[in-house]
Amino acid sequence: MLYLLAHWLHYEGFSNLFRYQTFRAGAALLTALIIGLLIGPRFINMLRVRQGKGQPIREDGPQTHLAKRGTPTMGGLMIVTSLTLGLLLWMDLSSRYVWACLAVTIGFGLIGFLDDYDKVTKYAHKGVPAKIRLLAEFVVAGIAAALVVTETNLYVPLFSNLYIPLGPFYYLFAAFVIVGAGNAVNLTDGLDGLAIMPVIIASGTFAIIAYLAGRADFAHYLGIPHVPGAGELAIFCGAVMGAGLAFLWFNAPPAAVFMGDTGSLALGGTLGVIAVSAHHEIVLAIVGGLFVMEAVSVIVQVFVYKRTGKRVFRMAPIHHHFEQLGWKESTVVIRFWIVSIVLALLGLATLKVR
């Protein structure tokens, strides 16, 4: 909105700053952060009053989690609200990439909200049936993929101009990346502050990647695919970071609110569609390696248990495994944050090692 206003003013005076994506990314971060901090207390009070018992706590989980009973969930509403307002204020309203990403954020957030609502009202863990939820996610992801995909090549990091032509199958692959990212972040969201900080780190990483991919000069120098218009996604990433930091303020141990599926699905899907838009899907698997590890731990646990009756991990997702080994919750969270930082640096390194 302000970008179009600056364009109308011909970028004269202070409004000249608005033409720079780096400035607007920083402004979106601060705007979403401030909005999130301002609306947070009211959102939390509203959720506490309406939910009563709060998010159901697993009886078979770590016993220390039983003390969290009564903590409200659906804090993702606060994230999506502050993210959207900060984004609309600073984005280029003509960018189809940003609109497609926002559609995934809101669409996945709505799916997660319905799941959370079902859990809270019935005070059970099941929520919306998995098949229905996955179908809805693939519909949203498929529409977004159709909007953002400009070419159907899967680029391989570490090599210049090396890609795998997937043809029409790329759209299915793109949808899988978006849905997979959403559910991987959802599985990671099990401890106070565990999921949101890696999301912030990944968003900051992809803000850099999207900006570079959107610049023909930088993309040519680094040997990465040039995606005209992708630089606007840096503003989106900035808004995600700001909204995430505001949420972390209230989600820091002991959490006053949980993001729930409303937030985790929305944020994970957002990372997925940003990676698809910038043609850095494989790099997302590196930067978001923590999310991949959490998802794989669940898949392996279920697969092995169904066939042998034995457990690979004491409990899945893997962050609960470390809790069962005796690690304190804060220790697990901070160490996983460190892993996320290292993985983000490795992901950025792929830009130059080509």
Protein backbone atom coordinates (compact mmCIF):
# COMPACT_ATOMS: atom_id res chain seq x y z
CA MET A 1 0.00 0.00 0.00
CA LEU A 2 2.75 2.46 0.98
CA TYR A 3 4.78 1.26 -2.01
CA LEU A 4 2.00 2.29 -4.39
CA LEU A 5 1.65 5.60 -2.55
CA ALA A 6 5.38 6.23 -2.98
CA HIS A 7 5.05 5.37 -6.68
CA TRP A 8 2.19 7.88 -6.98
CA LEU A 9 4.46 10.49 -5.35
CA HIS A 10 7.19 9.60 -7.91
CA TYR A 11 9.53 8.47 -5.08
CA GLU A 12 10.30 12.01 -4.03
CA GLY A 13 11.93 12.81 -0.70
CA PHE A 14 11.53 10.22 2.05
CA SER A 15 9.21 8.11 -0.13
CA ASN A 16 12.23 7.25 -2.30
CA LEU A 17 13.20 4.70 0.37
CA PHE A 18 10.02 2.76 -0.36
CA ARG A 19 11.27 1.65 -3.75
CA TYR A 20 13.99 -0.48 -2.11
CA GLN A 21 12.99 -4.02 -1.21
CA THR A 22 15.56 -4.20 1.57
CA PHE A 23 14.05 -1.15 3.29
CA ARG A 24 10.50 -2.47 2.94
CA ALA A 25 11.55 -5.89 4.25
CA GLY A 26 12.95 -4.29 7.39
CA ALA A 27 9.89 -2.06 7.71
CA ALA A 28 7.56 -5.07 7.34
CA LEU A 29 9.49 -6.88 10.07
CA LEU A 30 9.18 -3.96 12.51
CA THR A 31 5.54 -3.34 11.62
CA ALA A 32 4.50 -6.97 12.13
CA LEU A 33 6.53 -7.10 15.37
CA ILE A 34 4.86 -4.00 16.81
CA ILE A 35 1.38 -5.11 15.76
CA GLY A 36 1.97 -8.56 17.24
CA LEU A 37 3.16 -7.16 20.56
CA LEU A 38 0.18 -4.81 20.73
CA ILE A 39 -2.55 -7.33 19.90
CA GLY A 40 -0.93 -10.26 21.73
CA PRO A 41 -2.33 -9.72 25.24
CA ARG A 42 -5.88 -9.21 23.97
CA PHE A 43 -5.67 -12.25 21.71
CA ILE A 44 -4.39 -14.41 24.55
CA ASN A 45 -7.11 -13.21 26.96
CA MET A 46 -9.77 -13.82 24.31
CA LEU A 47 -8.49 -17.33 23.62
CA ARG A 48 -8.25 -18.14 27.33
CA VAL A 49 -11.84 -17.06 27.96
CA ARG A 50 -13.27 -18.89 24.94
CA GLN A 51 -11.30 -22.12 25.28
CA GLY A 52 -11.50 -22.78 28.99
CA LYS A 53 -9.35 -25.92 29.32
CA GLY A 54 -7.02 -24.84 26.52
CA GLN A 55 -5.08 -27.25 24.32
CA PRO A 56 -5.38 -30.96 25.21
CA ILE A 57 -2.15 -32.35 26.69
CA ARG A 58 -1.02 -35.88 25.79
CA GLU A 59 -1.36 -38.22 28.76
CA ASP A 60 1.34 -40.51 27.34
CA GLY A 61 3.77 -37.63 26.85
CA PRO A 62 6.43 -36.29 29.21
CA GLN A 63 4.90 -35.77 32.64
CA THR A 64 6.33 -32.25 32.87
CA HIS A 65 3.90 -31.23 30.12
CA LEU A 66 0.88 -31.89 32.34
CA ALA A 67 1.62 -28.59 34.09
CA LYS A 68 0.78 -26.82 30.83
CA ARG A 69 -2.90 -27.71 31.06
CA GLY A 70 -5.10 -24.66 30.60
CA THR A 71 -2.70 -22.89 28.25
CA PRO A 72 -4.73 -21.53 25.31
CA THR A 73 -3.93 -22.55 21.75
CA MET A 74 -4.66 -21.01 18.30
CA GLY A 75 -1.98 -18.36 18.89
CA GLY A 76 -1.37 -18.71 15.18
CA LEU A 77 -4.28 -16.28 14.73
CA MET A 78 -2.08 -13.59 16.23
CA ILE A 79 0.80 -14.53 13.92
CA VAL A 80 -1.30 -14.54 10.74
CA THR A 81 -3.00 -11.25 11.67
CA SER A 82 0.17 -9.29 12.40
CA LEU A 83 1.95 -10.89 9.43
CA THR A 84 -0.85 -9.98 7.02
CA LEU A 85 -1.22 -6.39 8.21
CA GLY A 86 2.52 -5.76 8.12
CA LEU A 87 2.76 -7.33 4.67
CA LEU A 88 -0.16 -5.45 3.08
CA LEU A 89 1.30 -2.18 4.30
CA TRP A 90 4.70 -2.65 2.64
CA MET A 91 4.31 -5.13 -0.22
CA ASP A 92 3.98 -4.39 -3.91
CA LEU A 93 0.26 -5.11 -4.36
CA SER A 94 0.86 -6.14 -7.98
CA SER A 95 3.14 -9.08 -7.04
CA ARG A 96 1.51 -12.42 -7.80
CA TYR A 97 4.19 -14.20 -5.80
CA VAL A 98 3.28 -12.39 -2.61
CA TRP A 99 -0.47 -12.87 -3.14
CA ALA A 100 0.03 -16.60 -3.79
CA CYS A 101 2.14 -16.96 -0.66
CA LEU A 102 -0.40 -15.03 1.39
CA ALA A 103 -3.15 -17.30 0.06
CA VAL A 104 -1.22 -20.34 1.32
CA THR A 105 -0.62 -18.69 4.71
CA ILE A 106 -4.29 -17.90 5.19
CA GLY A 107 -5.52 -21.13 3.58
CA PHE A 108 -3.29 -23.39 5.68
CA GLY A 109 -4.04 -21.23 8.71
CA LEU A 110 -7.78 -21.80 8.19
CA ILE A 111 -7.26 -25.56 7.89
CA GLY A 112 -5.22 -25.52 11.08
CA PHE A 113 -7.84 -23.37 12.82
CA LEU A 114 -10.60 -25.88 12.03
CA ASP A 115 -8.36 -28.66 13.37
CA ASP A 116 -7.59 -26.72 16.56
CA TYR A 117 -11.25 -25.79 17.01
CA ASP A 118 -12.29 -29.43 16.78
CA LYS A 119 -9.64 -30.43 19.33
CA VAL A 120 -10.55 -27.68 21.79
CA THR A 121 -14.31 -28.14 21.61
CA LYS A 122 -14.06 -31.93 21.97
CA TYR A 123 -10.95 -31.73 24.21
CA ALA A 124 -9.33 -34.52 22.16
CA HIS A 125 -6.18 -34.93 20.06
CA LYS A 126 -7.74 -36.22 16.85
CA GLY A 127 -9.16 -33.03 15.31
CA VAL A 128 -10.11 -33.01 11.62
CA PRO A 129 -9.55 -36.43 9.95
CA ALA A 130 -6.06 -36.60 8.43
CA LYS A 131 -7.27 -37.51 4.94
CA ILE A 132 -9.64 -34.54 4.76
CA ARG A 133 -6.99 -32.18 6.08
CA LEU A 134 -4.37 -33.39 3.60
CA LEU A 135 -6.82 -33.12 0.71
CA ALA A 136 -7.61 -29.51 1.64
CA GLU A 137 -3.90 -28.74 1.95
CA PHE A 138 -3.13 -30.18 -1.48
CA VAL A 139 -5.95 -28.16 -3.04
CA VAL A 140 -4.56 -24.91 -1.61
CA ALA A 141 -0.97 -25.89 -2.46
CA GLY A 142 -1.92 -26.91 -5.99
CA ILE A 143 -3.59 -23.56 -6.69
CA ALA A 144 -0.58 -21.70 -5.31
CA ALA A 145 1.81 -23.80 -7.40
CA ALA A 146 -0.17 -22.96 -10.53
CA LEU A 147 0.21 -19.25 -9.72
CA VAL A 148 3.91 -19.09 -8.85
CA VAL A 149 5.54 -21.70 -11.10
CA THR A 150 7.13 -20.09 -14.18
CA GLU A 151 9.31 -23.02 -15.21
CA THR A 152 9.29 -26.71 -14.40
CA ASN A 153 12.98 -27.32 -13.66
CA LEU A 154 14.20 -28.58 -10.30
CA TYR A 155 17.52 -26.83 -9.65
CA VAL A 156 20.24 -28.73 -7.82
CA PRO A 157 22.34 -26.73 -5.32
CA LEU A 158 26.15 -26.80 -5.33
CA PHE A 159 26.20 -26.87 -9.15
CA SER A 160 25.73 -23.96 -11.57
CA ASN A 161 22.82 -24.35 -13.97
CA LEU A 162 22.30 -28.00 -13.10
CA TYR A 163 18.64 -28.89 -13.07
CA ILE A 164 16.23 -31.77 -13.53
CA PRO A 165 13.41 -31.07 -16.02
CA LEU A 166 10.28 -32.42 -14.34
CA GLY A 167 7.77 -31.10 -16.85
CA PRO A 168 4.13 -31.31 -15.67
CA PHE A 169 5.22 -33.39 -12.65
CA TYR A 170 6.81 -30.26 -11.22
CA TYR A 171 3.40 -28.96 -10.16
CA LEU A 172 2.77 -32.11 -8.14
CA PHE A 173 6.27 -31.84 -6.68
CA ALA A 174 5.71 -28.18 -5.76
CA ALA A 175 2.43 -29.03 -4.02
CA PHE A 176 4.17 -31.84 -2.13
CA VAL A 177 6.90 -29.43 -0.95
CA ILE A 178 4.33 -26.95 0.33
CA VAL A 179 2.22 -29.57 2.10
CA GLY A 180 5.29 -31.37 3.42
CA ALA A 181 6.74 -28.17 4.86
CA GLY A 182 3.45 -27.31 6.53
CA ASN A 183 3.15 -30.67 8.25
CA ALA A 184 6.85 -30.83 9.17
CA VAL A 185 6.60 -27.54 11.08
CA ASN A 186 3.36 -28.80 12.61
CA LEU A 187 5.16 -31.86 13.99
CA THR A 188 7.98 -29.69 15.34
CA ASP A 189 5.60 -27.54 17.36
CA GLY A 190 5.67 -29.52 20.59
CA LEU A 191 7.72 -27.48 23.07
CA ASP A 192 7.63 -23.83 24.13
CA GLY A 193 9.46 -21.80 21.50
CA LEU A 194 10.71 -24.87 19.64
CA ALA A 195 9.04 -24.30 16.26
CA ILE A 196 8.82 -20.53 16.01
CA MET A 197 12.53 -19.72 16.27
CA PRO A 198 13.62 -22.12 13.49
CA VAL A 199 10.82 -20.62 11.36
CA ILE A 200 12.23 -17.15 12.01
CA ILE A 201 15.74 -18.35 11.12
CA ALA A 202 14.52 -20.04 7.93
CA SER A 203 12.53 -16.93 6.97
CA GLY A 204 15.58 -14.73 7.39
CA THR A 205 17.58 -17.12 5.23
CA PHE A 206 14.98 -17.15 2.48
CA ALA A 207 14.66 -13.38 2.62
CA ILE A 208 18.27 -13.28 1.42
CA ILE A 209 17.75 -16.07 -1.13
CA ALA A 210 14.57 -14.53 -2.58
CA TYR A 211 16.19 -11.10 -2.85
CA LEU A 212 19.21 -12.53 -4.67
CA ALA A 213 17.06 -14.68 -6.97
CA GLY A 214 15.03 -11.62 -7.89
CA ARG A 215 18.12 -9.67 -8.98
CA ALA A 216 19.42 -10.67 -12.41
CA ASP A 217 22.95 -9.43 -11.64
CA PHE A 218 23.30 -11.33 -8.35
CA ALA A 219 21.60 -14.45 -9.72
CA HIS A 220 23.96 -14.54 -12.72
CA TYR A 221 27.02 -14.00 -10.52
CA LEU A 222 26.02 -16.75 -8.07
CA GLY A 223 24.80 -19.17 -10.73
CA ILE A 224 21.32 -19.49 -9.22
CA PRO A 225 18.03 -19.35 -11.14
CA HIS A 226 16.82 -15.82 -11.76
CA VAL A 227 13.16 -15.37 -10.88
CA PRO A 228 11.92 -11.88 -11.88
CA GLY A 229 9.80 -10.43 -9.10
CA ALA A 230 10.93 -12.91 -6.44
CA GLY A 231 12.64 -10.11 -4.52
CA GLU A 232 9.22 -9.09 -3.17
CA LEU A 233 9.24 -12.29 -1.15
CA ALA A 234 11.93 -10.70 1.02
CA ILE A 235 9.19 -8.38 2.30
CA PHE A 236 7.03 -11.42 3.02
CA CYS A 237 9.88 -13.09 4.92
CA GLY A 238 10.43 -9.90 6.89
CA ALA A 239 6.77 -9.88 7.94
CA VAL A 240 7.02 -13.55 8.98
CA MET A 241 10.08 -12.77 11.10
CA GLY A 242 8.40 -9.82 12.81
CA ALA A 243 5.19 -11.72 13.53
CA GLY A 244 7.25 -14.69 14.73
CA LEU A 245 9.33 -12.61 17.11
CA ALA A 246 6.18 -11.04 18.56
CA PHE A 247 4.70 -14.49 19.10
CA LEU A 248 7.92 -15.74 20.69
CA TRP A 249 7.59 -12.95 23.25
CA PHE A 250 4.46 -14.69 24.55
CA ASN A 251 5.48 -18.26 23.67
CA ALA A 252 8.80 -18.16 25.56
CA PRO A 253 8.88 -20.64 28.47
CA PRO A 254 6.58 -20.88 30.28
CA ALA A 255 4.35 -20.25 27.27
CA ALA A 256 1.31 -18.02 27.73
CA VAL A 257 -0.10 -19.34 24.45
CA PHE A 258 0.55 -22.12 21.93
CA MET A 259 0.50 -21.44 18.18
CA GLY A 260 -1.48 -24.61 17.50
CA ASP A 261 -2.05 -26.04 14.05
CA THR A 262 -3.37 -22.60 13.07
CA GLY A 263 0.14 -21.18 13.23
CA SER A 264 2.36 -24.18 12.50
CA LEU A 265 0.56 -25.20 9.29
CA ALA A 266 0.39 -21.59 8.11
CA LEU A 267 4.08 -20.91 8.72
CA GLY A 268 5.27 -24.23 7.32
CA GLY A 269 3.18 -23.84 4.19
CA THR A 270 4.53 -20.31 3.81
CA LEU A 271 8.13 -21.51 3.87
CA GLY A 272 7.27 -24.18 1.32
CA VAL A 273 5.64 -21.84 -1.20
CA ILE A 274 8.43 -19.26 -0.82
CA ALA A 275 11.01 -21.97 -1.59
CA VAL A 276 9.00 -23.08 -4.65
CA SER A 277 8.64 -19.49 -5.86
CA ALA A 278 12.38 -18.89 -5.58
CA HIS A 279 13.23 -22.33 -7.07
CA HIS A 280 15.22 -23.36 -3.99
CA GLU A 281 13.20 -26.36 -2.88
CA ILE A 282 16.21 -28.57 -2.12
CA VAL A 283 17.83 -25.74 -0.17
CA LEU A 284 14.67 -25.60 1.96
CA ALA A 285 15.34 -29.20 2.96
CA ILE A 286 18.76 -28.06 4.19
CA VAL A 287 17.73 -24.82 5.89
CA GLY A 288 14.66 -26.52 7.36
CA GLY A 289 16.57 -29.69 8.16
CA LEU A 290 15.28 -29.61 11.73
CA PHE A 291 11.70 -29.84 10.44
CA VAL A 292 12.73 -32.68 8.12
CA MET A 293 14.34 -34.53 11.04
CA GLU A 294 11.17 -34.18 13.13
CA ALA A 295 8.96 -35.46 10.31
CA VAL A 296 11.28 -38.36 9.46
CA SER A 297 11.40 -39.42 13.12
CA VAL A 298 7.62 -39.82 13.12
CA ILE A 299 7.57 -41.68 9.79
CA VAL A 300 10.32 -44.07 10.92
CA GLN A 301 8.70 -44.64 14.31
CA VAL A 302 5.31 -45.51 12.82
CA PHE A 303 6.77 -47.63 9.99
CA VAL A 304 8.99 -49.73 12.25
CA TYR A 305 6.43 -50.09 15.04
CA LYS A 306 3.70 -51.33 12.70
CA ARG A 307 6.00 -54.01 11.28
CA THR A 308 8.02 -55.08 14.31
CA GLY A 309 6.15 -53.81 17.34
CA LYS A 310 9.36 -52.10 18.47
CA ARG A 311 10.13 -48.39 18.84
CA VAL A 312 13.17 -46.73 17.30
CA PHE A 313 12.77 -43.67 19.54
CA ARG A 314 11.47 -43.56 23.07
CA MET A 315 8.85 -41.16 21.78
CA ALA A 316 8.22 -39.33 18.52
CA PRO A 317 8.58 -36.63 17.27
CA ILE A 318 12.26 -36.70 18.15
CA HIS A 319 12.22 -33.71 20.53
CA HIS A 320 10.17 -35.87 22.92
CA HIS A 321 12.79 -38.62 22.58
CA PHE A 322 15.41 -36.30 24.02
CA GLU A 323 13.05 -35.29 26.82
CA GLN A 324 12.61 -38.95 27.68
CA LEU A 325 16.40 -39.29 27.79
CA GLY A 326 16.41 -36.70 30.58
CA TRP A 327 17.07 -33.45 28.73
CA LYS A 328 15.21 -30.47 30.15
CA GLU A 329 12.71 -28.83 27.82
CA SER A 330 14.74 -25.61 27.65
CA THR A 331 17.87 -27.62 26.79
CA VAL A 332 16.12 -29.36 23.89
CA VAL A 333 14.74 -26.09 22.57
CA ILE A 334 17.98 -24.12 22.68
CA ARG A 335 20.06 -26.95 21.21
CA PHE A 336 17.56 -27.35 18.39
CA TRP A 337 17.79 -23.59 17.77
CA ILE A 338 21.56 -23.98 17.44
CA VAL A 339 21.05 -26.79 14.93
CA SER A 340 18.70 -24.51 12.95
CA ILE A 341 21.29 -21.73 12.82
CA VAL A 342 23.98 -24.11 11.57
CA LEU A 343 21.65 -25.52 8.91
CA ALA A 344 20.71 -22.00 7.78
CA LEU A 345 24.38 -21.16 7.32
CA LEU A 346 24.87 -24.35 5.31
CA GLY A 347 21.91 -23.42 3.16
CA LEU A 348 23.35 -19.97 2.48
CA ALA A 349 26.71 -21.56 1.67
CA THR A 350 25.10 -23.40 -1.25
CA LEU A 351 24.63 -20.03 -2.97
CA LYS A 352 28.36 -19.61 -3.45
CA VAL A 353 29.62 -23.20 -3.57
CA ARG A 354 28.73 -23.82 -7.21
